[in-house]
Amino acid sequence: MAEDLLLLLFQPESGTIAGENTLFYTLAGAVLSDLALAGQVASDGAHASAVRAEALGEVPPSDEIHRSAWTYVAKKPRSVQTVLAAIGPQLRAPLLDRLIARGDVERVRKKAFGLFNTTALVEGATGRRARLLESVRAVLVDGAEPTARIGALAALLSASGTLPQFDPQIPWTNPVITRAKQLEQGHWGAGAAAEAVTRTVTAVIANNIIVATTAQPPSQ
């Protein structure tokens, strides 16, 4: 899920990634949501900043990024805010490498000012970003009921504060804002009831991302 979130945040027109200032919180939230979806992390049922993340099971995940996050939480239950701050800063580079290896994003060489060699990120030819964006749009704009993964992705995008940058593909309208806030709070629809743990954990994560990103100084 963190790879898909980073791919969505990648802006092909500019070659930049939306929300860079607080990206590590958002990516860490996606990792925790993925662990919740896999039944390997849950929350302890407290509220707001007091909620702790708890590791479930005794077998670490096979994925290296998930395993590192799970191992950190498995040492002892920790506040979600603490977990986000601890695991997030190391995520951008390996996740971007995975997107490049998969062909979703390409790193190309260019000349700056016609003189200096530099590199830039461009969208790959897989079409995966467009498909993900269409799935999120269907939920936010058309009212489709999300799968657990798409519900979590949409909730995390909303919590990160980057949704306005997806206009006009996802129009920044009052109905979209309302639906996005519902997803942040875990209201995904009746069909998603089986993913209650994922909805709960994602709602907790979204709240903590909002708190963390709001506290950040504005970019210069």
N, C-alpha and C. Protein backbone atom coordinates (compact mmCIF):
# COMPACT_ATOMS: atom_id res chain seq x y z
N MET A 1 0.82 -1.20 0.00
CA MET A 1 0.00 0.00 0.00
C MET A 1 0.86 1.26 0.00
N ALA A 2 1.97 1.24 0.70
CA ALA A 2 2.84 2.41 0.74
C ALA A 2 3.41 2.73 -0.64
N GLU A 3 3.73 1.70 -1.41
CA GLU A 3 4.20 1.92 -2.78
C GLU A 3 3.11 2.60 -3.61
N ASP A 4 1.89 2.11 -3.50
CA ASP A 4 0.78 2.70 -4.25
C ASP A 4 0.51 4.14 -3.81
N LEU A 5 0.63 4.41 -2.53
CA LEU A 5 0.42 5.76 -2.04
C LEU A 5 1.48 6.71 -2.58
N LEU A 6 2.74 6.27 -2.57
CA LEU A 6 3.81 7.10 -3.12
C LEU A 6 3.60 7.33 -4.61
N LEU A 7 3.14 6.31 -5.31
CA LEU A 7 2.88 6.45 -6.75
C LEU A 7 1.76 7.45 -7.00
N LEU A 8 0.72 7.41 -6.20
CA LEU A 8 -0.36 8.40 -6.33
C LEU A 8 0.14 9.81 -6.05
N LEU A 9 0.99 9.95 -5.05
CA LEU A 9 1.49 11.27 -4.68
C LEU A 9 2.48 11.82 -5.71
N PHE A 10 3.04 10.95 -6.53
CA PHE A 10 3.92 11.41 -7.61
C PHE A 10 3.11 12.20 -8.62
N GLN A 11 3.59 13.40 -8.94
CA GLN A 11 2.89 14.29 -9.87
C GLN A 11 3.63 14.30 -11.22
N PRO A 12 3.08 13.59 -12.22
CA PRO A 12 3.80 13.45 -13.50
C PRO A 12 4.10 14.77 -14.19
N GLU A 13 3.22 15.75 -14.03
CA GLU A 13 3.42 17.02 -14.74
C GLU A 13 4.69 17.74 -14.29
N SER A 14 5.00 17.64 -13.01
CA SER A 14 6.16 18.35 -12.47
C SER A 14 7.32 17.43 -12.10
N GLY A 15 7.06 16.14 -12.04
CA GLY A 15 8.09 15.20 -11.62
C GLY A 15 8.38 15.25 -10.14
N THR A 16 7.48 15.85 -9.37
CA THR A 16 7.67 15.98 -7.93
C THR A 16 6.68 15.06 -7.19
N ILE A 17 6.85 14.99 -5.89
CA ILE A 17 5.96 14.19 -5.05
C ILE A 17 5.21 15.13 -4.13
N ALA A 18 3.90 15.05 -4.16
CA ALA A 18 3.07 15.94 -3.35
C ALA A 18 3.28 15.65 -1.87
N GLY A 19 3.25 16.72 -1.07
CA GLY A 19 3.34 16.55 0.38
C GLY A 19 4.69 16.13 0.88
N GLU A 20 5.76 16.53 0.20
CA GLU A 20 7.11 16.10 0.59
C GLU A 20 7.44 16.47 2.04
N ASN A 21 7.00 17.63 2.52
CA ASN A 21 7.38 18.09 3.86
C ASN A 21 6.98 17.11 4.95
N THR A 22 5.87 16.42 4.76
CA THR A 22 5.38 15.49 5.79
C THR A 22 5.18 14.10 5.20
N LEU A 23 5.90 13.80 4.12
CA LEU A 23 5.70 12.54 3.41
C LEU A 23 5.94 11.33 4.30
N PHE A 24 6.92 11.41 5.18
CA PHE A 24 7.26 10.22 5.97
C PHE A 24 6.12 9.80 6.88
N TYR A 25 5.33 10.77 7.38
CA TYR A 25 4.17 10.40 8.18
C TYR A 25 3.17 9.62 7.34
N THR A 26 2.92 10.10 6.14
CA THR A 26 1.92 9.48 5.27
C THR A 26 2.34 8.08 4.84
N LEU A 27 3.60 7.92 4.46
CA LEU A 27 4.08 6.61 4.04
C LEU A 27 4.08 5.63 5.21
N ALA A 28 4.48 6.10 6.38
CA ALA A 28 4.45 5.23 7.56
C ALA A 28 3.03 4.81 7.87
N GLY A 29 2.07 5.73 7.69
CA GLY A 29 0.67 5.38 7.90
C GLY A 29 0.22 4.29 6.96
N ALA A 30 0.68 4.33 5.72
CA ALA A 30 0.32 3.29 4.76
C ALA A 30 0.89 1.94 5.15
N VAL A 31 2.12 1.94 5.67
CA VAL A 31 2.72 0.68 6.12
C VAL A 31 1.92 0.09 7.28
N LEU A 32 1.55 0.92 8.25
CA LEU A 32 0.75 0.43 9.37
C LEU A 32 -0.61 -0.07 8.92
N SER A 33 -1.23 0.64 7.98
CA SER A 33 -2.53 0.20 7.47
C SER A 33 -2.41 -1.14 6.76
N ASP A 34 -1.32 -1.33 6.01
CA ASP A 34 -1.09 -2.61 5.35
C ASP A 34 -0.93 -3.73 6.36
N LEU A 35 -0.20 -3.45 7.44
CA LEU A 35 -0.04 -4.46 8.49
C LEU A 35 -1.37 -4.78 9.16
N ALA A 36 -2.21 -3.76 9.33
CA ALA A 36 -3.54 -3.99 9.89
C ALA A 36 -4.38 -4.85 8.97
N LEU A 37 -4.30 -4.58 7.67
CA LEU A 37 -5.06 -5.36 6.69
C LEU A 37 -4.62 -6.81 6.69
N ALA A 38 -3.33 -7.04 6.95
CA ALA A 38 -2.80 -8.40 6.99
C ALA A 38 -3.00 -9.07 8.35
N GLY A 39 -3.64 -8.37 9.29
CA GLY A 39 -3.87 -8.93 10.61
C GLY A 39 -2.63 -8.99 11.47
N GLN A 40 -1.65 -8.10 11.22
CA GLN A 40 -0.40 -8.15 11.95
C GLN A 40 -0.20 -6.97 12.89
N VAL A 41 -1.12 -6.00 12.84
CA VAL A 41 -1.08 -4.85 13.74
C VAL A 41 -2.51 -4.46 14.07
N ALA A 42 -2.74 -4.04 15.31
CA ALA A 42 -4.05 -3.54 15.73
C ALA A 42 -3.81 -2.36 16.66
N SER A 43 -4.89 -1.65 16.98
CA SER A 43 -4.79 -0.57 17.96
C SER A 43 -5.40 -1.06 19.26
N ASP A 44 -5.04 -0.38 20.37
CA ASP A 44 -5.48 -0.86 21.68
C ASP A 44 -6.82 -0.30 22.12
N GLY A 45 -7.47 0.47 21.24
CA GLY A 45 -8.83 0.92 21.54
C GLY A 45 -8.91 2.22 22.31
N ALA A 46 -7.80 2.86 22.59
CA ALA A 46 -7.84 4.16 23.26
C ALA A 46 -8.27 5.23 22.26
N HIS A 47 -8.08 6.47 22.60
CA HIS A 47 -8.55 7.54 21.73
C HIS A 47 -7.43 8.52 21.40
N ALA A 48 -7.54 9.08 20.18
CA ALA A 48 -6.67 10.15 19.71
C ALA A 48 -5.20 9.82 19.93
N SER A 49 -4.44 10.74 20.50
CA SER A 49 -3.00 10.55 20.60
C SER A 49 -2.61 9.46 21.58
N ALA A 50 -3.56 8.98 22.39
CA ALA A 50 -3.25 7.94 23.37
C ALA A 50 -3.29 6.55 22.76
N VAL A 51 -3.78 6.41 21.54
CA VAL A 51 -3.88 5.10 20.91
C VAL A 51 -2.50 4.52 20.67
N ARG A 52 -2.36 3.24 21.02
CA ARG A 52 -1.10 2.57 20.79
C ARG A 52 -1.26 1.52 19.71
N ALA A 53 -0.20 1.32 18.93
CA ALA A 53 -0.16 0.25 17.95
C ALA A 53 0.43 -0.99 18.60
N GLU A 54 -0.19 -2.13 18.35
CA GLU A 54 0.26 -3.39 18.93
C GLU A 54 0.49 -4.40 17.81
N ALA A 55 1.60 -5.11 17.87
CA ALA A 55 1.89 -6.15 16.89
C ALA A 55 1.10 -7.41 17.22
N LEU A 56 0.61 -8.08 16.21
CA LEU A 56 -0.13 -9.32 16.39
C LEU A 56 0.66 -10.47 15.76
N GLY A 57 0.52 -11.66 16.36
CA GLY A 57 1.20 -12.83 15.83
C GLY A 57 2.65 -12.89 16.28
N GLU A 58 3.31 -13.99 15.91
CA GLU A 58 4.70 -14.18 16.30
C GLU A 58 5.64 -14.30 15.10
N VAL A 59 5.06 -14.39 13.90
CA VAL A 59 5.88 -14.54 12.70
C VAL A 59 6.00 -13.20 11.99
N PRO A 60 7.19 -12.67 11.82
CA PRO A 60 7.36 -11.38 11.15
C PRO A 60 6.91 -11.45 9.70
N PRO A 61 6.48 -10.35 9.14
CA PRO A 61 6.12 -10.32 7.71
C PRO A 61 7.32 -10.65 6.84
N SER A 62 7.06 -11.19 5.66
CA SER A 62 8.15 -11.52 4.75
C SER A 62 8.71 -10.29 4.04
N ASP A 63 7.86 -9.30 3.79
CA ASP A 63 8.31 -8.08 3.12
C ASP A 63 9.24 -7.31 4.06
N GLU A 64 10.37 -6.87 3.52
CA GLU A 64 11.40 -6.24 4.35
C GLU A 64 10.89 -4.97 5.05
N ILE A 65 10.16 -4.13 4.33
CA ILE A 65 9.67 -2.88 4.91
C ILE A 65 8.63 -3.17 5.99
N HIS A 66 7.72 -4.08 5.70
CA HIS A 66 6.71 -4.45 6.70
C HIS A 66 7.36 -5.11 7.91
N ARG A 67 8.37 -5.95 7.66
CA ARG A 67 9.04 -6.65 8.77
C ARG A 67 9.72 -5.66 9.70
N SER A 68 10.38 -4.65 9.14
CA SER A 68 11.05 -3.66 9.97
C SER A 68 10.06 -2.91 10.85
N ALA A 69 8.92 -2.51 10.28
CA ALA A 69 7.90 -1.79 11.06
C ALA A 69 7.28 -2.70 12.11
N TRP A 70 6.96 -3.93 11.72
CA TRP A 70 6.35 -4.87 12.66
C TRP A 70 7.29 -5.17 13.82
N THR A 71 8.57 -5.35 13.53
CA THR A 71 9.55 -5.65 14.57
C THR A 71 9.65 -4.51 15.57
N TYR A 72 9.60 -3.27 15.07
CA TYR A 72 9.65 -2.11 15.95
C TYR A 72 8.46 -2.10 16.90
N VAL A 73 7.27 -2.36 16.35
CA VAL A 73 6.06 -2.36 17.18
C VAL A 73 6.04 -3.57 18.11
N ALA A 74 6.59 -4.70 17.65
CA ALA A 74 6.55 -5.93 18.45
C ALA A 74 7.38 -5.83 19.71
N LYS A 75 8.36 -4.93 19.75
CA LYS A 75 9.19 -4.79 20.95
C LYS A 75 8.34 -4.38 22.15
N LYS A 76 7.37 -3.50 21.90
CA LYS A 76 6.40 -3.12 22.91
C LYS A 76 5.35 -2.22 22.24
N PRO A 77 4.12 -2.21 22.73
CA PRO A 77 3.11 -1.30 22.17
C PRO A 77 3.58 0.15 22.31
N ARG A 78 3.40 0.91 21.25
CA ARG A 78 3.82 2.31 21.25
C ARG A 78 2.71 3.17 20.68
N SER A 79 2.72 4.44 21.03
CA SER A 79 1.73 5.34 20.47
C SER A 79 1.88 5.39 18.96
N VAL A 80 0.77 5.55 18.27
CA VAL A 80 0.81 5.61 16.81
C VAL A 80 1.71 6.75 16.35
N GLN A 81 1.64 7.88 17.03
CA GLN A 81 2.47 9.02 16.66
C GLN A 81 3.95 8.67 16.74
N THR A 82 4.34 7.94 17.78
CA THR A 82 5.73 7.52 17.94
C THR A 82 6.14 6.58 16.82
N VAL A 83 5.26 5.65 16.47
CA VAL A 83 5.58 4.69 15.41
C VAL A 83 5.75 5.40 14.07
N LEU A 84 4.84 6.31 13.76
CA LEU A 84 4.93 7.05 12.50
C LEU A 84 6.26 7.80 12.40
N ALA A 85 6.63 8.46 13.49
CA ALA A 85 7.87 9.25 13.48
C ALA A 85 9.11 8.36 13.40
N ALA A 86 9.01 7.15 13.94
CA ALA A 86 10.18 6.27 13.98
C ALA A 86 10.41 5.54 12.66
N ILE A 87 9.35 5.05 12.04
CA ILE A 87 9.54 4.22 10.84
C ILE A 87 9.47 5.02 9.55
N GLY A 88 8.89 6.23 9.61
CA GLY A 88 8.65 6.97 8.38
C GLY A 88 9.87 7.49 7.64
N PRO A 89 10.87 8.07 8.33
CA PRO A 89 11.97 8.72 7.62
C PRO A 89 12.78 7.80 6.71
N GLN A 90 12.74 6.51 6.94
CA GLN A 90 13.53 5.58 6.13
C GLN A 90 12.77 5.02 4.93
N LEU A 91 11.55 5.45 4.68
CA LEU A 91 10.70 4.78 3.70
C LEU A 91 10.79 5.31 2.28
N ARG A 92 10.99 6.60 2.11
CA ARG A 92 10.86 7.19 0.77
C ARG A 92 11.78 6.53 -0.24
N ALA A 93 13.07 6.42 0.07
CA ALA A 93 14.06 5.91 -0.89
C ALA A 93 13.77 4.47 -1.32
N PRO A 94 13.58 3.52 -0.39
CA PRO A 94 13.33 2.15 -0.85
C PRO A 94 12.01 1.99 -1.59
N LEU A 95 10.99 2.75 -1.19
CA LEU A 95 9.70 2.66 -1.88
C LEU A 95 9.82 3.21 -3.30
N LEU A 96 10.53 4.33 -3.45
CA LEU A 96 10.74 4.89 -4.78
C LEU A 96 11.54 3.92 -5.65
N ASP A 97 12.54 3.28 -5.06
CA ASP A 97 13.32 2.28 -5.81
C ASP A 97 12.43 1.15 -6.31
N ARG A 98 11.46 0.75 -5.50
CA ARG A 98 10.55 -0.32 -5.91
C ARG A 98 9.69 0.14 -7.09
N LEU A 99 9.21 1.36 -7.03
CA LEU A 99 8.39 1.89 -8.13
C LEU A 99 9.20 1.95 -9.41
N ILE A 100 10.46 2.34 -9.31
CA ILE A 100 11.33 2.41 -10.48
C ILE A 100 11.62 1.01 -11.01
N ALA A 101 11.90 0.07 -10.12
CA ALA A 101 12.17 -1.31 -10.54
C ALA A 101 10.96 -1.93 -11.23
N ARG A 102 9.77 -1.52 -10.81
CA ARG A 102 8.53 -2.07 -11.36
C ARG A 102 8.13 -1.36 -12.65
N GLY A 103 8.77 -0.23 -12.96
CA GLY A 103 8.47 0.49 -14.17
C GLY A 103 7.34 1.49 -14.03
N ASP A 104 6.83 1.68 -12.82
CA ASP A 104 5.75 2.66 -12.62
C ASP A 104 6.27 4.09 -12.70
N VAL A 105 7.52 4.28 -12.30
CA VAL A 105 8.20 5.56 -12.38
C VAL A 105 9.57 5.30 -13.00
N GLU A 106 10.04 6.26 -13.79
CA GLU A 106 11.36 6.12 -14.41
C GLU A 106 12.23 7.30 -14.00
N ARG A 107 13.51 7.02 -13.82
CA ARG A 107 14.48 8.07 -13.53
C ARG A 107 15.27 8.32 -14.81
N VAL A 108 15.20 9.54 -15.32
CA VAL A 108 15.86 9.86 -16.58
C VAL A 108 16.91 10.94 -16.37
N ARG A 109 17.90 10.94 -17.25
CA ARG A 109 18.95 11.96 -17.19
C ARG A 109 18.57 13.16 -18.05
N LYS A 110 18.82 14.34 -17.51
CA LYS A 110 18.55 15.57 -18.24
C LYS A 110 19.69 16.55 -18.01
N LYS A 111 19.70 17.61 -18.81
CA LYS A 111 20.67 18.69 -18.61
C LYS A 111 19.95 19.91 -18.05
N ALA A 112 20.47 20.42 -16.95
CA ALA A 112 19.92 21.64 -16.36
C ALA A 112 20.61 22.84 -16.97
N PHE A 113 19.81 23.79 -17.45
CA PHE A 113 20.32 25.00 -18.09
C PHE A 113 21.23 24.67 -19.28
N GLY A 114 21.01 23.46 -19.83
CA GLY A 114 21.81 23.06 -20.98
C GLY A 114 23.25 22.74 -20.67
N LEU A 115 23.60 22.71 -19.38
CA LEU A 115 25.00 22.53 -18.99
C LEU A 115 25.25 21.35 -18.06
N PHE A 116 24.41 21.24 -17.00
CA PHE A 116 24.71 20.30 -15.94
C PHE A 116 23.83 19.05 -16.05
N ASN A 117 24.46 17.90 -15.91
CA ASN A 117 23.70 16.65 -15.92
C ASN A 117 22.92 16.52 -14.62
N THR A 118 21.68 16.14 -14.74
CA THR A 118 20.84 15.93 -13.57
C THR A 118 19.87 14.79 -13.87
N THR A 119 19.12 14.37 -12.89
CA THR A 119 18.13 13.32 -13.09
C THR A 119 16.74 13.86 -12.76
N ALA A 120 15.75 13.27 -13.38
CA ALA A 120 14.37 13.66 -13.14
C ALA A 120 13.50 12.41 -13.12
N LEU A 121 12.38 12.50 -12.44
CA LEU A 121 11.42 11.40 -12.38
C LEU A 121 10.30 11.65 -13.38
N VAL A 122 9.96 10.61 -14.14
CA VAL A 122 8.84 10.69 -15.07
C VAL A 122 7.97 9.45 -14.87
N GLU A 123 6.73 9.56 -15.31
CA GLU A 123 5.81 8.43 -15.15
C GLU A 123 6.21 7.31 -16.11
N GLY A 124 6.15 6.07 -15.62
CA GLY A 124 6.43 4.92 -16.45
C GLY A 124 5.25 4.56 -17.34
N ALA A 125 5.39 3.48 -18.08
CA ALA A 125 4.37 3.11 -19.06
C ALA A 125 3.42 2.01 -18.55
N THR A 126 3.47 1.71 -17.26
CA THR A 126 2.63 0.60 -16.77
C THR A 126 1.16 0.97 -16.66
N GLY A 127 0.86 2.26 -16.51
CA GLY A 127 -0.53 2.68 -16.35
C GLY A 127 -1.09 2.47 -14.96
N ARG A 128 -0.23 2.04 -14.04
CA ARG A 128 -0.74 1.72 -12.70
C ARG A 128 -1.23 2.97 -11.97
N ARG A 129 -0.53 4.08 -12.09
CA ARG A 129 -0.97 5.29 -11.39
C ARG A 129 -2.36 5.71 -11.86
N ALA A 130 -2.59 5.66 -13.16
CA ALA A 130 -3.90 6.05 -13.69
C ALA A 130 -5.00 5.14 -13.16
N ARG A 131 -4.71 3.86 -13.05
CA ARG A 131 -5.73 2.92 -12.54
C ARG A 131 -6.02 3.18 -11.06
N LEU A 132 -4.97 3.42 -10.29
CA LEU A 132 -5.16 3.73 -8.87
C LEU A 132 -5.97 5.02 -8.69
N LEU A 133 -5.61 6.03 -9.48
CA LEU A 133 -6.30 7.31 -9.37
C LEU A 133 -7.77 7.17 -9.74
N GLU A 134 -8.07 6.35 -10.73
CA GLU A 134 -9.45 6.13 -11.13
C GLU A 134 -10.22 5.41 -10.02
N SER A 135 -9.59 4.46 -9.34
CA SER A 135 -10.25 3.75 -8.24
C SER A 135 -10.56 4.69 -7.08
N VAL A 136 -9.61 5.57 -6.75
CA VAL A 136 -9.83 6.54 -5.68
C VAL A 136 -10.91 7.53 -6.10
N ARG A 137 -10.87 7.96 -7.35
CA ARG A 137 -11.88 8.90 -7.85
C ARG A 137 -13.27 8.30 -7.78
N ALA A 138 -13.39 7.03 -8.12
CA ALA A 138 -14.70 6.37 -8.09
C ALA A 138 -15.30 6.41 -6.69
N VAL A 139 -14.46 6.27 -5.68
CA VAL A 139 -14.93 6.29 -4.30
C VAL A 139 -15.29 7.71 -3.86
N LEU A 140 -14.43 8.66 -4.16
CA LEU A 140 -14.61 10.02 -3.67
C LEU A 140 -15.63 10.82 -4.48
N VAL A 141 -15.68 10.58 -5.78
CA VAL A 141 -16.54 11.38 -6.65
C VAL A 141 -17.84 10.65 -6.99
N ASP A 142 -17.74 9.37 -7.32
CA ASP A 142 -18.91 8.62 -7.78
C ASP A 142 -19.63 7.88 -6.67
N GLY A 143 -19.06 7.87 -5.47
CA GLY A 143 -19.72 7.22 -4.34
C GLY A 143 -19.59 5.72 -4.31
N ALA A 144 -18.65 5.16 -5.06
CA ALA A 144 -18.45 3.71 -5.05
C ALA A 144 -17.97 3.27 -3.68
N GLU A 145 -18.37 2.05 -3.30
CA GLU A 145 -17.91 1.52 -2.01
C GLU A 145 -16.49 0.99 -2.19
N PRO A 146 -15.57 1.39 -1.32
CA PRO A 146 -14.17 1.03 -1.55
C PRO A 146 -13.83 -0.38 -1.07
N THR A 147 -12.82 -0.96 -1.69
CA THR A 147 -12.16 -2.10 -1.08
C THR A 147 -11.37 -1.57 0.11
N ALA A 148 -10.88 -2.47 0.94
CA ALA A 148 -10.12 -2.03 2.11
C ALA A 148 -8.89 -1.24 1.70
N ARG A 149 -8.19 -1.69 0.66
CA ARG A 149 -6.96 -1.00 0.23
C ARG A 149 -7.27 0.39 -0.31
N ILE A 150 -8.28 0.49 -1.17
CA ILE A 150 -8.60 1.79 -1.76
C ILE A 150 -9.18 2.72 -0.69
N GLY A 151 -9.97 2.18 0.23
CA GLY A 151 -10.49 3.00 1.32
C GLY A 151 -9.36 3.59 2.16
N ALA A 152 -8.37 2.77 2.45
CA ALA A 152 -7.23 3.24 3.23
C ALA A 152 -6.41 4.27 2.45
N LEU A 153 -6.18 4.01 1.17
CA LEU A 153 -5.42 4.95 0.35
C LEU A 153 -6.11 6.31 0.29
N ALA A 154 -7.42 6.29 0.06
CA ALA A 154 -8.17 7.56 -0.01
C ALA A 154 -8.14 8.28 1.33
N ALA A 155 -8.28 7.54 2.41
CA ALA A 155 -8.26 8.16 3.74
C ALA A 155 -6.90 8.78 4.03
N LEU A 156 -5.84 8.10 3.66
CA LEU A 156 -4.50 8.61 3.92
C LEU A 156 -4.18 9.82 3.04
N LEU A 157 -4.63 9.79 1.79
CA LEU A 157 -4.45 10.94 0.92
C LEU A 157 -5.15 12.16 1.51
N SER A 158 -6.37 11.95 2.00
CA SER A 158 -7.12 13.04 2.59
C SER A 158 -6.42 13.58 3.83
N ALA A 159 -5.97 12.67 4.69
CA ALA A 159 -5.31 13.08 5.93
C ALA A 159 -4.01 13.83 5.65
N SER A 160 -3.35 13.50 4.56
CA SER A 160 -2.07 14.14 4.24
C SER A 160 -2.24 15.57 3.76
N GLY A 161 -3.46 15.95 3.43
CA GLY A 161 -3.71 17.30 2.95
C GLY A 161 -3.36 17.53 1.49
N THR A 162 -3.13 16.45 0.74
CA THR A 162 -2.69 16.60 -0.65
C THR A 162 -3.82 16.50 -1.67
N LEU A 163 -5.03 16.15 -1.25
CA LEU A 163 -6.12 15.95 -2.21
C LEU A 163 -6.36 17.15 -3.12
N PRO A 164 -6.27 18.40 -2.64
CA PRO A 164 -6.49 19.52 -3.55
C PRO A 164 -5.57 19.50 -4.78
N GLN A 165 -4.42 18.87 -4.67
CA GLN A 165 -3.48 18.84 -5.79
C GLN A 165 -3.90 17.86 -6.88
N PHE A 166 -4.95 17.07 -6.62
CA PHE A 166 -5.43 16.11 -7.62
C PHE A 166 -6.58 16.68 -8.45
N ASP A 167 -6.97 17.92 -8.17
CA ASP A 167 -7.97 18.60 -8.98
C ASP A 167 -7.32 18.96 -10.33
N PRO A 168 -7.96 18.71 -11.48
CA PRO A 168 -9.37 18.39 -11.68
C PRO A 168 -9.69 16.90 -11.77
N GLN A 169 -8.67 16.00 -11.76
CA GLN A 169 -8.99 14.58 -11.86
C GLN A 169 -9.94 14.16 -10.74
N ILE A 170 -9.66 14.66 -9.53
CA ILE A 170 -10.58 14.49 -8.40
C ILE A 170 -11.00 15.89 -8.00
N PRO A 171 -12.15 16.36 -8.45
CA PRO A 171 -12.56 17.75 -8.20
C PRO A 171 -12.58 18.06 -6.71
N TRP A 172 -12.04 19.20 -6.34
CA TRP A 172 -12.01 19.61 -4.94
C TRP A 172 -13.31 20.32 -4.61
N THR A 173 -14.35 19.53 -4.36
CA THR A 173 -15.69 20.05 -4.12
C THR A 173 -16.15 19.67 -2.71
N ASN A 174 -17.20 20.31 -2.24
CA ASN A 174 -17.72 19.99 -0.90
C ASN A 174 -18.12 18.53 -0.75
N PRO A 175 -18.81 17.92 -1.73
CA PRO A 175 -19.13 16.49 -1.59
C PRO A 175 -17.89 15.61 -1.49
N VAL A 176 -16.85 15.93 -2.25
CA VAL A 176 -15.61 15.15 -2.18
C VAL A 176 -14.95 15.33 -0.82
N ILE A 177 -14.91 16.55 -0.33
CA ILE A 177 -14.33 16.82 0.99
C ILE A 177 -15.07 16.04 2.08
N THR A 178 -16.41 16.05 1.99
CA THR A 178 -17.22 15.33 2.98
C THR A 178 -16.94 13.84 2.93
N ARG A 179 -16.90 13.28 1.71
CA ARG A 179 -16.66 11.84 1.57
C ARG A 179 -15.26 11.49 2.08
N ALA A 180 -14.28 12.33 1.77
CA ALA A 180 -12.91 12.06 2.22
C ALA A 180 -12.84 12.05 3.74
N LYS A 181 -13.53 12.98 4.39
CA LYS A 181 -13.53 13.02 5.85
C LYS A 181 -14.21 11.78 6.43
N GLN A 182 -15.25 11.29 5.77
CA GLN A 182 -15.90 10.06 6.22
C GLN A 182 -14.93 8.89 6.19
N LEU A 183 -14.14 8.82 5.12
CA LEU A 183 -13.16 7.73 5.01
C LEU A 183 -12.08 7.86 6.09
N GLU A 184 -11.64 9.08 6.34
CA GLU A 184 -10.66 9.30 7.41
C GLU A 184 -11.16 8.74 8.74
N GLN A 185 -12.46 8.90 8.98
CA GLN A 185 -13.06 8.49 10.26
C GLN A 185 -13.48 7.03 10.29
N GLY A 186 -13.21 6.29 9.21
CA GLY A 186 -13.51 4.87 9.18
C GLY A 186 -14.88 4.50 8.67
N HIS A 187 -15.61 5.48 8.09
CA HIS A 187 -16.93 5.20 7.56
C HIS A 187 -16.81 4.87 6.07
N TRP A 188 -16.57 3.60 5.79
CA TRP A 188 -16.29 3.17 4.42
C TRP A 188 -17.50 2.57 3.73
N GLY A 189 -18.52 2.18 4.48
CA GLY A 189 -19.69 1.54 3.89
C GLY A 189 -19.92 0.18 4.50
N ALA A 190 -21.15 -0.31 4.38
CA ALA A 190 -21.53 -1.57 5.04
C ALA A 190 -20.73 -2.75 4.53
N GLY A 191 -20.38 -2.75 3.26
CA GLY A 191 -19.68 -3.89 2.68
C GLY A 191 -18.27 -4.05 3.20
N ALA A 192 -17.74 -3.03 3.83
CA ALA A 192 -16.37 -3.08 4.34
C ALA A 192 -16.33 -3.52 5.80
N ALA A 193 -17.45 -4.01 6.32
CA ALA A 193 -17.51 -4.36 7.74
C ALA A 193 -16.50 -5.44 8.12
N ALA A 194 -16.20 -6.31 7.17
CA ALA A 194 -15.26 -7.39 7.46
C ALA A 194 -13.85 -6.85 7.70
N GLU A 195 -13.59 -5.63 7.27
CA GLU A 195 -12.27 -5.03 7.45
C GLU A 195 -12.28 -4.03 8.60
N ALA A 196 -13.01 -4.38 9.66
CA ALA A 196 -13.19 -3.44 10.77
C ALA A 196 -11.86 -3.01 11.39
N VAL A 197 -10.94 -3.95 11.56
CA VAL A 197 -9.66 -3.61 12.16
C VAL A 197 -8.89 -2.63 11.28
N THR A 198 -8.91 -2.88 9.97
CA THR A 198 -8.22 -1.98 9.05
C THR A 198 -8.84 -0.59 9.09
N ARG A 199 -10.17 -0.52 9.10
CA ARG A 199 -10.84 0.78 9.15
C ARG A 199 -10.50 1.52 10.44
N THR A 200 -10.51 0.80 11.55
CA THR A 200 -10.22 1.41 12.84
C THR A 200 -8.79 1.92 12.91
N VAL A 201 -7.85 1.07 12.52
CA VAL A 201 -6.44 1.45 12.58
C VAL A 201 -6.17 2.61 11.62
N THR A 202 -6.73 2.55 10.41
CA THR A 202 -6.51 3.62 9.45
C THR A 202 -7.09 4.93 9.95
N ALA A 203 -8.25 4.89 10.61
CA ALA A 203 -8.85 6.10 11.17
C ALA A 203 -7.94 6.70 12.24
N VAL A 204 -7.37 5.85 13.07
CA VAL A 204 -6.43 6.32 14.10
C VAL A 204 -5.20 6.94 13.45
N ILE A 205 -4.67 6.26 12.43
CA ILE A 205 -3.49 6.77 11.73
C ILE A 205 -3.79 8.10 11.07
N ALA A 206 -4.95 8.18 10.39
CA ALA A 206 -5.32 9.43 9.71
C ALA A 206 -5.38 10.59 10.70
N ASN A 207 -5.96 10.34 11.86
CA ASN A 207 -6.04 11.39 12.87
C ASN A 207 -4.65 11.84 13.31
N ASN A 208 -3.76 10.88 13.49
CA ASN A 208 -2.40 11.22 13.92
C ASN A 208 -1.62 11.94 12.81
N ILE A 209 -1.86 11.58 11.55
CA ILE A 209 -1.20 12.28 10.45
C ILE A 209 -1.68 13.73 10.39
N ILE A 210 -2.98 13.92 10.56
CA ILE A 210 -3.53 15.28 10.56
C ILE A 210 -2.89 16.12 11.66
N VAL A 211 -2.80 15.55 12.86
CA VAL A 211 -2.19 16.27 13.98
C VAL A 211 -0.74 16.60 13.67
N ALA A 212 -0.01 15.62 13.14
CA ALA A 212 1.42 15.82 12.88
C ALA A 212 1.65 16.84 11.77
N THR A 213 0.90 16.72 10.68
CA THR A 213 1.11 17.63 9.56
C THR A 213 0.67 19.04 9.88
N THR A 214 -0.37 19.17 10.70
CA THR A 214 -0.84 20.51 11.09
C THR A 214 0.21 21.22 11.93
N ALA A 215 0.98 20.44 12.69
CA ALA A 215 1.99 21.03 13.56
C ALA A 215 3.25 21.44 12.83
N GLN A 216 3.38 21.00 11.56
CA GLN A 216 4.59 21.32 10.79
C GLN A 216 4.59 22.78 10.36
N PRO A 217 5.75 23.43 10.35
CA PRO A 217 5.82 24.81 9.85
C PRO A 217 5.56 24.83 8.36
N PRO A 218 4.98 25.90 7.84
CA PRO A 218 4.74 25.98 6.41
C PRO A 218 6.02 25.98 5.61
N SER A 219 5.96 25.42 4.39
CA SER A 219 7.15 25.38 3.55
C SER A 219 7.49 26.79 3.08
N GLN A 220 8.78 27.01 2.91
CA GLN A 220 9.24 28.35 2.51
C GLN A 220 9.25 28.47 0.99
